[in-house]
Amino acid sequence: MALPWLQRFELLLFTAAFLCGAVAAATLTRTQGSFSGRCPLYGVAALNGSFPALAQPSAPSLCYFVAGVSGLLALYCLLLLLFWVYSSCIEDSHRGPIGLRIALVISAVAIFLVLVAACVLRFGTHSLCKSIISLNITISCSEAQKIPWTPPGTALQFYSNLHNAEVRPLLG
């Protein structure tokens, strides 16, 4: 059965939101892993010898919150996507007014949490970058991810990952 254009658009939005949430959760988790499990958001960098190091990380729960919100957004959108594909193509059911209200309330809460997570990412990344730039070893965070950090192997592509995690939820 052919779906109306509005339902096809809704399914496309669910797909985009699922992908954005999954990418944001994965990139933030990857960044936290590259700092040995410590959360770099709002962290303070210091020189350890002649190399930068994350001297004062923030609480890991801050990164868990942001990654969790993004992951829950991805899961919610995936479940809605699968449900509506199933019910539209297999059962040919239609959405009732109560189901629509429930979906709208859940979506409003999800949007609010995603915006809070995006703000935490933006300001947390900016705070970390200010700390790195104040060390006078580089002029930008994108350049700082190219220099070696202490301990070796940490901070791999941290700015690219944080930037991707910040931008993806806003695109969804």
N, C-alpha and C. Protein backbone atom coordinates (compact mmCIF):
# COMPACT_ATOMS: atom_id res chain seq x y z
N MET A 1 0.84 -1.17 0.00
CA MET A 1 0.00 0.00 0.00
C MET A 1 0.89 1.24 0.00
N ALA A 2 0.53 2.22 -0.79
CA ALA A 2 1.29 3.47 -0.87
C ALA A 2 0.95 4.36 0.32
N LEU A 3 1.97 4.92 0.92
CA LEU A 3 1.78 5.80 2.07
C LEU A 3 1.55 7.22 1.60
N PRO A 4 0.72 7.99 2.33
CA PRO A 4 0.59 9.41 2.01
C PRO A 4 1.94 10.11 2.19
N TRP A 5 2.13 11.23 1.53
CA TRP A 5 3.42 11.91 1.55
C TRP A 5 3.78 12.36 2.96
N LEU A 6 2.79 12.71 3.77
CA LEU A 6 3.08 13.17 5.13
C LEU A 6 3.64 12.02 5.98
N GLN A 7 3.09 10.83 5.80
CA GLN A 7 3.63 9.68 6.55
C GLN A 7 5.02 9.30 6.05
N ARG A 8 5.26 9.40 4.78
CA ARG A 8 6.60 9.12 4.25
C ARG A 8 7.60 10.12 4.80
N PHE A 9 7.18 11.39 4.90
CA PHE A 9 8.06 12.43 5.46
C PHE A 9 8.34 12.14 6.93
N GLU A 10 7.31 11.71 7.66
CA GLU A 10 7.48 11.37 9.08
C GLU A 10 8.47 10.21 9.23
N LEU A 11 8.35 9.21 8.40
CA LEU A 11 9.27 8.07 8.45
C LEU A 11 10.69 8.50 8.11
N LEU A 12 10.82 9.41 7.18
CA LEU A 12 12.14 9.94 6.84
C LEU A 12 12.75 10.70 8.02
N LEU A 13 11.92 11.48 8.73
CA LEU A 13 12.40 12.20 9.92
C LEU A 13 12.83 11.23 11.02
N PHE A 14 12.05 10.18 11.24
CA PHE A 14 12.43 9.18 12.24
C PHE A 14 13.75 8.52 11.87
N THR A 15 13.94 8.23 10.59
CA THR A 15 15.19 7.63 10.14
C THR A 15 16.37 8.57 10.38
N ALA A 16 16.18 9.85 10.03
CA ALA A 16 17.25 10.83 10.23
C ALA A 16 17.57 11.01 11.71
N ALA A 17 16.53 11.09 12.55
CA ALA A 17 16.75 11.25 13.99
C ALA A 17 17.43 10.02 14.58
N PHE A 18 17.07 8.84 14.11
CA PHE A 18 17.73 7.62 14.58
C PHE A 18 19.22 7.66 14.25
N LEU A 19 19.55 7.99 13.01
CA LEU A 19 20.95 8.04 12.60
C LEU A 19 21.73 9.10 13.37
N CYS A 20 21.13 10.27 13.55
CA CYS A 20 21.81 11.35 14.28
C CYS A 20 22.05 10.98 15.73
N GLY A 21 21.05 10.41 16.38
CA GLY A 21 21.22 10.00 17.77
C GLY A 21 22.26 8.92 17.93
N ALA A 22 22.27 7.96 17.02
CA ALA A 22 23.26 6.88 17.09
C ALA A 22 24.67 7.40 16.87
N VAL A 23 24.85 8.29 15.90
CA VAL A 23 26.18 8.86 15.63
C VAL A 23 26.65 9.70 16.82
N ALA A 24 25.75 10.51 17.38
CA ALA A 24 26.14 11.36 18.52
C ALA A 24 26.55 10.51 19.71
N ALA A 25 25.78 9.49 20.04
CA ALA A 25 26.12 8.62 21.17
C ALA A 25 27.45 7.90 20.93
N ALA A 26 27.64 7.41 19.73
CA ALA A 26 28.87 6.66 19.42
C ALA A 26 30.10 7.56 19.45
N THR A 27 30.01 8.75 18.88
CA THR A 27 31.19 9.61 18.83
C THR A 27 31.56 10.14 20.22
N LEU A 28 30.56 10.44 21.04
CA LEU A 28 30.89 10.90 22.39
C LEU A 28 31.49 9.76 23.21
N THR A 29 30.95 8.57 23.07
CA THR A 29 31.50 7.42 23.79
C THR A 29 32.92 7.13 23.32
N ARG A 30 33.15 7.26 22.03
CA ARG A 30 34.50 7.05 21.49
C ARG A 30 35.47 8.09 22.04
N THR A 31 35.03 9.34 22.13
CA THR A 31 35.89 10.39 22.67
C THR A 31 36.21 10.13 24.13
N GLN A 32 35.19 9.76 24.90
CA GLN A 32 35.44 9.46 26.31
C GLN A 32 36.39 8.27 26.44
N GLY A 33 36.26 7.30 25.58
CA GLY A 33 37.18 6.16 25.59
C GLY A 33 38.60 6.56 25.25
N SER A 34 38.76 7.54 24.36
CA SER A 34 40.12 7.96 24.01
C SER A 34 40.79 8.73 25.14
N PHE A 35 40.01 9.19 26.10
CA PHE A 35 40.56 9.82 27.30
C PHE A 35 40.55 8.85 28.48
N SER A 36 40.65 7.57 28.20
CA SER A 36 40.69 6.51 29.22
C SER A 36 39.46 6.51 30.12
N GLY A 37 38.30 6.79 29.54
CA GLY A 37 37.05 6.76 30.29
C GLY A 37 36.73 8.03 31.04
N ARG A 38 37.62 9.01 30.98
CA ARG A 38 37.35 10.27 31.68
C ARG A 38 36.59 11.21 30.74
N CYS A 39 35.69 12.01 31.30
CA CYS A 39 34.84 12.89 30.49
C CYS A 39 35.57 14.20 30.20
N PRO A 40 35.82 14.51 28.93
CA PRO A 40 36.56 15.74 28.60
C PRO A 40 35.69 17.00 28.61
N LEU A 41 34.37 16.85 28.64
CA LEU A 41 33.51 18.04 28.61
C LEU A 41 33.75 18.87 29.86
N TYR A 42 33.91 20.15 29.71
CA TYR A 42 34.22 21.09 30.79
C TYR A 42 35.53 20.73 31.49
N GLY A 43 36.36 19.91 30.87
CA GLY A 43 37.63 19.51 31.47
C GLY A 43 38.67 20.61 31.35
N VAL A 44 39.74 20.44 32.11
CA VAL A 44 40.85 21.40 32.10
C VAL A 44 42.10 20.67 31.64
N ALA A 45 42.74 21.22 30.63
CA ALA A 45 43.98 20.65 30.12
C ALA A 45 45.16 21.34 30.78
N ALA A 46 46.23 20.60 30.97
CA ALA A 46 47.47 21.15 31.52
C ALA A 46 48.63 20.47 30.81
N LEU A 47 49.78 21.10 30.92
CA LEU A 47 50.97 20.51 30.30
C LEU A 47 51.59 19.49 31.25
N ASN A 48 51.87 18.32 30.72
CA ASN A 48 52.57 17.28 31.45
C ASN A 48 53.89 17.10 30.71
N GLY A 49 54.91 17.77 31.19
CA GLY A 49 56.16 17.87 30.43
C GLY A 49 55.93 18.89 29.32
N SER A 50 56.09 18.47 28.10
CA SER A 50 55.82 19.39 26.99
C SER A 50 54.57 18.98 26.21
N PHE A 51 53.83 18.00 26.73
CA PHE A 51 52.63 17.52 26.05
C PHE A 51 51.38 17.85 26.86
N PRO A 52 50.29 18.13 26.19
CA PRO A 52 49.05 18.39 26.93
C PRO A 52 48.45 17.11 27.49
N ALA A 53 47.72 17.26 28.57
CA ALA A 53 47.02 16.14 29.20
C ALA A 53 45.73 16.67 29.80
N LEU A 54 44.75 15.81 29.93
CA LEU A 54 43.49 16.18 30.57
C LEU A 54 43.71 16.10 32.07
N ALA A 55 43.96 17.26 32.69
CA ALA A 55 44.33 17.29 34.10
C ALA A 55 43.11 17.16 35.01
N GLN A 56 42.02 17.84 34.67
CA GLN A 56 40.82 17.83 35.50
C GLN A 56 39.61 17.49 34.63
N PRO A 57 39.28 16.21 34.52
CA PRO A 57 38.08 15.86 33.75
C PRO A 57 36.83 16.16 34.56
N SER A 58 35.71 16.24 33.90
CA SER A 58 34.46 16.41 34.63
C SER A 58 33.93 15.03 35.01
N ALA A 59 32.85 15.02 35.73
CA ALA A 59 32.27 13.75 36.19
C ALA A 59 31.86 12.90 34.99
N PRO A 60 32.15 11.62 35.03
CA PRO A 60 31.76 10.75 33.91
C PRO A 60 30.26 10.75 33.65
N SER A 61 29.47 11.02 34.69
CA SER A 61 28.01 11.02 34.51
C SER A 61 27.56 12.09 33.52
N LEU A 62 28.34 13.15 33.36
CA LEU A 62 27.99 14.18 32.38
C LEU A 62 28.04 13.61 30.97
N CYS A 63 29.09 12.89 30.65
CA CYS A 63 29.18 12.24 29.33
C CYS A 63 28.15 11.13 29.20
N TYR A 64 27.90 10.41 30.30
CA TYR A 64 26.89 9.35 30.26
C TYR A 64 25.51 9.94 29.96
N PHE A 65 25.21 11.10 30.54
CA PHE A 65 23.92 11.74 30.29
C PHE A 65 23.77 12.09 28.82
N VAL A 66 24.78 12.76 28.26
CA VAL A 66 24.70 13.19 26.87
C VAL A 66 24.63 11.99 25.93
N ALA A 67 25.47 11.00 26.15
CA ALA A 67 25.44 9.81 25.30
C ALA A 67 24.14 9.03 25.50
N GLY A 68 23.67 8.99 26.74
CA GLY A 68 22.42 8.29 27.02
C GLY A 68 21.22 8.93 26.36
N VAL A 69 21.14 10.25 26.42
CA VAL A 69 20.04 10.96 25.76
C VAL A 69 20.08 10.70 24.26
N SER A 70 21.26 10.78 23.69
CA SER A 70 21.39 10.54 22.24
C SER A 70 21.04 9.10 21.90
N GLY A 71 21.49 8.17 22.72
CA GLY A 71 21.17 6.77 22.48
C GLY A 71 19.69 6.47 22.64
N LEU A 72 19.06 7.08 23.65
CA LEU A 72 17.62 6.88 23.83
C LEU A 72 16.83 7.50 22.69
N LEU A 73 17.29 8.65 22.19
CA LEU A 73 16.64 9.24 21.02
C LEU A 73 16.72 8.27 19.84
N ALA A 74 17.88 7.70 19.63
CA ALA A 74 18.05 6.75 18.53
C ALA A 74 17.13 5.54 18.71
N LEU A 75 17.08 5.00 19.91
CA LEU A 75 16.24 3.83 20.17
C LEU A 75 14.76 4.16 19.99
N TYR A 76 14.33 5.29 20.54
CA TYR A 76 12.94 5.72 20.41
C TYR A 76 12.54 5.88 18.95
N CYS A 77 13.39 6.54 18.18
CA CYS A 77 13.08 6.76 16.77
C CYS A 77 13.10 5.46 15.98
N LEU A 78 14.02 4.57 16.31
CA LEU A 78 14.06 3.28 15.63
C LEU A 78 12.79 2.48 15.92
N LEU A 79 12.37 2.47 17.18
CA LEU A 79 11.15 1.73 17.53
C LEU A 79 9.93 2.33 16.85
N LEU A 80 9.83 3.66 16.84
CA LEU A 80 8.70 4.28 16.15
C LEU A 80 8.74 4.01 14.65
N LEU A 81 9.92 4.07 14.10
CA LEU A 81 10.07 3.79 12.67
C LEU A 81 9.61 2.37 12.34
N LEU A 82 10.08 1.41 13.11
CA LEU A 82 9.68 0.02 12.87
C LEU A 82 8.19 -0.19 13.10
N PHE A 83 7.64 0.43 14.14
CA PHE A 83 6.21 0.30 14.42
C PHE A 83 5.37 0.86 13.28
N TRP A 84 5.73 2.05 12.81
CA TRP A 84 4.90 2.67 11.77
C TRP A 84 5.09 1.99 10.42
N VAL A 85 6.25 1.47 10.14
CA VAL A 85 6.41 0.70 8.91
C VAL A 85 5.55 -0.56 8.99
N TYR A 86 5.60 -1.22 10.13
CA TYR A 86 4.81 -2.44 10.30
C TYR A 86 3.31 -2.13 10.22
N SER A 87 2.85 -1.15 11.00
CA SER A 87 1.41 -0.90 11.05
C SER A 87 0.88 -0.28 9.76
N SER A 88 1.70 0.46 9.04
CA SER A 88 1.24 1.06 7.79
C SER A 88 1.22 0.06 6.65
N CYS A 89 2.20 -0.81 6.61
CA CYS A 89 2.32 -1.73 5.48
C CYS A 89 1.64 -3.07 5.72
N ILE A 90 1.68 -3.55 6.95
CA ILE A 90 1.16 -4.88 7.23
C ILE A 90 -0.28 -4.82 7.72
N GLU A 91 -0.52 -4.02 8.74
CA GLU A 91 -1.84 -3.99 9.35
C GLU A 91 -2.77 -2.96 8.73
N ASP A 92 -2.23 -1.98 8.05
CA ASP A 92 -3.01 -0.89 7.48
C ASP A 92 -3.81 -0.16 8.57
N SER A 93 -3.19 0.05 9.74
CA SER A 93 -3.87 0.74 10.84
C SER A 93 -3.60 2.24 10.77
N HIS A 94 -4.44 2.97 11.45
CA HIS A 94 -4.32 4.43 11.47
C HIS A 94 -4.13 4.88 12.91
N ARG A 95 -3.51 6.01 13.07
CA ARG A 95 -3.21 6.55 14.39
C ARG A 95 -4.45 7.22 14.96
N GLY A 96 -4.77 6.86 16.19
CA GLY A 96 -5.89 7.49 16.87
C GLY A 96 -5.45 8.74 17.59
N PRO A 97 -6.40 9.54 18.10
CA PRO A 97 -6.03 10.80 18.77
C PRO A 97 -5.26 10.58 20.07
N ILE A 98 -5.53 9.52 20.79
CA ILE A 98 -4.80 9.27 22.04
C ILE A 98 -3.36 8.88 21.73
N GLY A 99 -3.17 8.02 20.75
CA GLY A 99 -1.82 7.63 20.36
C GLY A 99 -1.01 8.81 19.86
N LEU A 100 -1.68 9.72 19.15
CA LEU A 100 -1.00 10.91 18.66
C LEU A 100 -0.56 11.80 19.81
N ARG A 101 -1.43 11.97 20.81
CA ARG A 101 -1.07 12.81 21.97
C ARG A 101 0.10 12.21 22.74
N ILE A 102 0.06 10.92 22.94
CA ILE A 102 1.17 10.26 23.65
C ILE A 102 2.47 10.43 22.89
N ALA A 103 2.42 10.22 21.58
CA ALA A 103 3.63 10.38 20.75
C ALA A 103 4.13 11.82 20.79
N LEU A 104 3.22 12.78 20.79
CA LEU A 104 3.63 14.19 20.84
C LEU A 104 4.29 14.54 22.17
N VAL A 105 3.75 14.03 23.27
CA VAL A 105 4.34 14.31 24.59
C VAL A 105 5.73 13.69 24.69
N ILE A 106 5.86 12.44 24.27
CA ILE A 106 7.17 11.79 24.32
C ILE A 106 8.15 12.50 23.41
N SER A 107 7.69 12.91 22.25
CA SER A 107 8.57 13.63 21.32
C SER A 107 9.00 14.97 21.88
N ALA A 108 8.09 15.67 22.56
CA ALA A 108 8.44 16.97 23.16
C ALA A 108 9.50 16.79 24.25
N VAL A 109 9.36 15.77 25.08
CA VAL A 109 10.36 15.50 26.12
C VAL A 109 11.69 15.13 25.47
N ALA A 110 11.65 14.30 24.43
CA ALA A 110 12.88 13.90 23.74
C ALA A 110 13.58 15.10 23.12
N ILE A 111 12.81 15.99 22.50
CA ILE A 111 13.40 17.19 21.89
C ILE A 111 14.05 18.07 22.96
N PHE A 112 13.38 18.23 24.10
CA PHE A 112 13.94 19.04 25.18
C PHE A 112 15.27 18.44 25.67
N LEU A 113 15.29 17.13 25.89
CA LEU A 113 16.52 16.49 26.37
C LEU A 113 17.64 16.57 25.35
N VAL A 114 17.30 16.45 24.07
CA VAL A 114 18.32 16.56 23.02
C VAL A 114 18.89 17.98 22.99
N LEU A 115 18.05 18.98 23.17
CA LEU A 115 18.55 20.36 23.19
C LEU A 115 19.44 20.61 24.40
N VAL A 116 19.07 20.06 25.56
CA VAL A 116 19.92 20.18 26.75
C VAL A 116 21.26 19.49 26.50
N ALA A 117 21.22 18.29 25.93
CA ALA A 117 22.46 17.56 25.64
C ALA A 117 23.33 18.31 24.64
N ALA A 118 22.71 18.92 23.63
CA ALA A 118 23.47 19.68 22.64
C ALA A 118 24.12 20.90 23.28
N CYS A 119 23.41 21.55 24.20
CA CYS A 119 24.00 22.71 24.90
C CYS A 119 25.16 22.27 25.79
N VAL A 120 25.00 21.16 26.49
CA VAL A 120 26.10 20.65 27.32
C VAL A 120 27.31 20.35 26.46
N LEU A 121 27.09 19.74 25.31
CA LEU A 121 28.20 19.45 24.39
C LEU A 121 28.86 20.72 23.89
N ARG A 122 28.06 21.69 23.48
CA ARG A 122 28.62 22.93 22.92
C ARG A 122 29.46 23.66 23.97
N PHE A 123 28.87 23.90 25.13
CA PHE A 123 29.59 24.67 26.15
C PHE A 123 30.72 23.86 26.78
N GLY A 124 30.53 22.54 26.92
CA GLY A 124 31.59 21.70 27.46
C GLY A 124 32.79 21.62 26.54
N THR A 125 32.52 21.50 25.24
CA THR A 125 33.61 21.49 24.26
C THR A 125 34.31 22.83 24.21
N HIS A 126 33.53 23.91 24.25
CA HIS A 126 34.12 25.25 24.23
C HIS A 126 35.00 25.48 25.45
N SER A 127 34.56 25.02 26.61
CA SER A 127 35.35 25.17 27.83
C SER A 127 36.66 24.40 27.73
N LEU A 128 36.60 23.17 27.24
CA LEU A 128 37.83 22.38 27.06
C LEU A 128 38.76 23.06 26.06
N CYS A 129 38.21 23.56 24.98
CA CYS A 129 39.05 24.22 23.95
C CYS A 129 39.71 25.48 24.50
N LYS A 130 38.98 26.26 25.28
CA LYS A 130 39.59 27.45 25.90
C LYS A 130 40.75 27.05 26.79
N SER A 131 40.59 25.97 27.52
CA SER A 131 41.66 25.49 28.39
C SER A 131 42.88 25.06 27.59
N ILE A 132 42.64 24.38 26.47
CA ILE A 132 43.75 23.91 25.63
C ILE A 132 44.47 25.09 24.98
N ILE A 133 43.71 26.05 24.47
CA ILE A 133 44.31 27.21 23.80
C ILE A 133 45.08 28.07 24.79
N SER A 134 44.63 28.11 26.04
CA SER A 134 45.33 28.91 27.05
C SER A 134 46.72 28.36 27.37
N LEU A 135 46.99 27.13 26.99
CA LEU A 135 48.32 26.55 27.21
C LEU A 135 49.36 27.10 26.23
N ASN A 136 48.91 27.80 25.20
CA ASN A 136 49.77 28.41 24.18
C ASN A 136 50.62 27.39 23.42
N ILE A 137 50.09 26.21 23.22
CA ILE A 137 50.80 25.22 22.41
C ILE A 137 50.15 25.06 21.04
N THR A 138 48.97 25.61 20.87
CA THR A 138 48.24 25.54 19.62
C THR A 138 47.25 26.70 19.56
N ILE A 139 46.74 26.95 18.36
CA ILE A 139 45.80 28.07 18.22
C ILE A 139 44.36 27.61 18.10
N SER A 140 44.13 26.29 17.98
CA SER A 140 42.76 25.80 17.86
C SER A 140 42.67 24.36 18.36
N CYS A 141 41.45 23.96 18.66
CA CYS A 141 41.23 22.59 19.12
C CYS A 141 41.43 21.59 17.99
N SER A 142 41.09 21.98 16.79
CA SER A 142 41.29 21.05 15.67
C SER A 142 42.78 20.78 15.45
N GLU A 143 43.61 21.76 15.76
CA GLU A 143 45.07 21.54 15.69
C GLU A 143 45.55 20.75 16.91
N ALA A 144 44.91 20.94 18.05
CA ALA A 144 45.35 20.26 19.28
C ALA A 144 45.16 18.75 19.20
N GLN A 145 44.20 18.30 18.41
CA GLN A 145 44.00 16.85 18.29
C GLN A 145 45.07 16.19 17.44
N LYS A 146 45.87 17.00 16.75
CA LYS A 146 46.93 16.45 15.90
C LYS A 146 48.27 16.32 16.62
N ILE A 147 48.39 16.96 17.78
CA ILE A 147 49.65 16.88 18.52
C ILE A 147 49.57 15.74 19.53
N PRO A 148 50.71 15.16 19.93
CA PRO A 148 50.67 14.05 20.89
C PRO A 148 50.25 14.53 22.28
N TRP A 149 49.47 13.70 22.95
CA TRP A 149 49.00 13.98 24.30
C TRP A 149 49.63 12.98 25.26
N THR A 150 49.53 13.30 26.55
CA THR A 150 50.00 12.40 27.59
C THR A 150 48.78 11.84 28.31
N PRO A 151 48.69 10.58 28.58
CA PRO A 151 49.52 9.48 28.10
C PRO A 151 49.32 9.27 26.61
N PRO A 152 50.31 8.65 25.97
CA PRO A 152 50.22 8.45 24.52
C PRO A 152 48.96 7.67 24.13
N GLY A 153 48.37 8.09 23.04
CA GLY A 153 47.16 7.43 22.55
C GLY A 153 45.87 8.07 23.01
N THR A 154 45.95 9.03 23.93
CA THR A 154 44.73 9.71 24.36
C THR A 154 44.42 10.86 23.41
N ALA A 155 43.22 11.32 23.48
CA ALA A 155 42.74 12.49 22.73
C ALA A 155 42.77 12.28 21.22
N LEU A 156 42.61 11.04 20.77
CA LEU A 156 42.62 10.77 19.34
C LEU A 156 41.34 11.33 18.70
N GLN A 157 41.50 12.28 17.82
CA GLN A 157 40.38 12.90 17.10
C GLN A 157 39.30 13.43 18.05
N PHE A 158 39.69 13.91 19.23
CA PHE A 158 38.70 14.31 20.22
C PHE A 158 37.83 15.47 19.73
N TYR A 159 38.43 16.46 19.07
CA TYR A 159 37.64 17.61 18.65
C TYR A 159 36.68 17.24 17.53
N SER A 160 37.13 16.46 16.58
CA SER A 160 36.25 16.03 15.49
C SER A 160 35.07 15.23 16.05
N ASN A 161 35.35 14.33 16.99
CA ASN A 161 34.29 13.53 17.58
C ASN A 161 33.31 14.38 18.38
N LEU A 162 33.82 15.29 19.20
CA LEU A 162 32.93 16.15 19.98
C LEU A 162 32.12 17.06 19.07
N HIS A 163 32.74 17.57 18.03
CA HIS A 163 32.02 18.43 17.09
C HIS A 163 30.92 17.64 16.37
N ASN A 164 31.23 16.42 15.95
CA ASN A 164 30.22 15.58 15.31
C ASN A 164 29.08 15.24 16.27
N ALA A 165 29.41 14.93 17.51
CA ALA A 165 28.37 14.62 18.49
C ALA A 165 27.50 15.84 18.77
N GLU A 166 28.10 17.02 18.70
CA GLU A 166 27.35 18.26 18.95
C GLU A 166 26.42 18.59 17.80
N VAL A 167 26.87 18.41 16.60
CA VAL A 167 26.11 18.82 15.42
C VAL A 167 25.04 17.81 15.04
N ARG A 168 25.29 16.53 15.21
CA ARG A 168 24.36 15.51 14.73
C ARG A 168 22.96 15.60 15.35
N PRO A 169 22.81 15.78 16.67
CA PRO A 169 21.44 15.87 17.20
C PRO A 169 20.69 17.08 16.67
N LEU A 170 21.38 18.15 16.37
CA LEU A 170 20.70 19.34 15.87
C LEU A 170 20.27 19.16 14.43
N LEU A 171 20.94 18.29 13.69
CA LEU A 171 20.55 18.04 12.31
C LEU A 171 19.35 17.11 12.23
N GLY A 172 19.19 16.28 13.26
CA GLY A 172 18.09 15.31 13.25
C GLY A 172 16.83 15.97 13.58
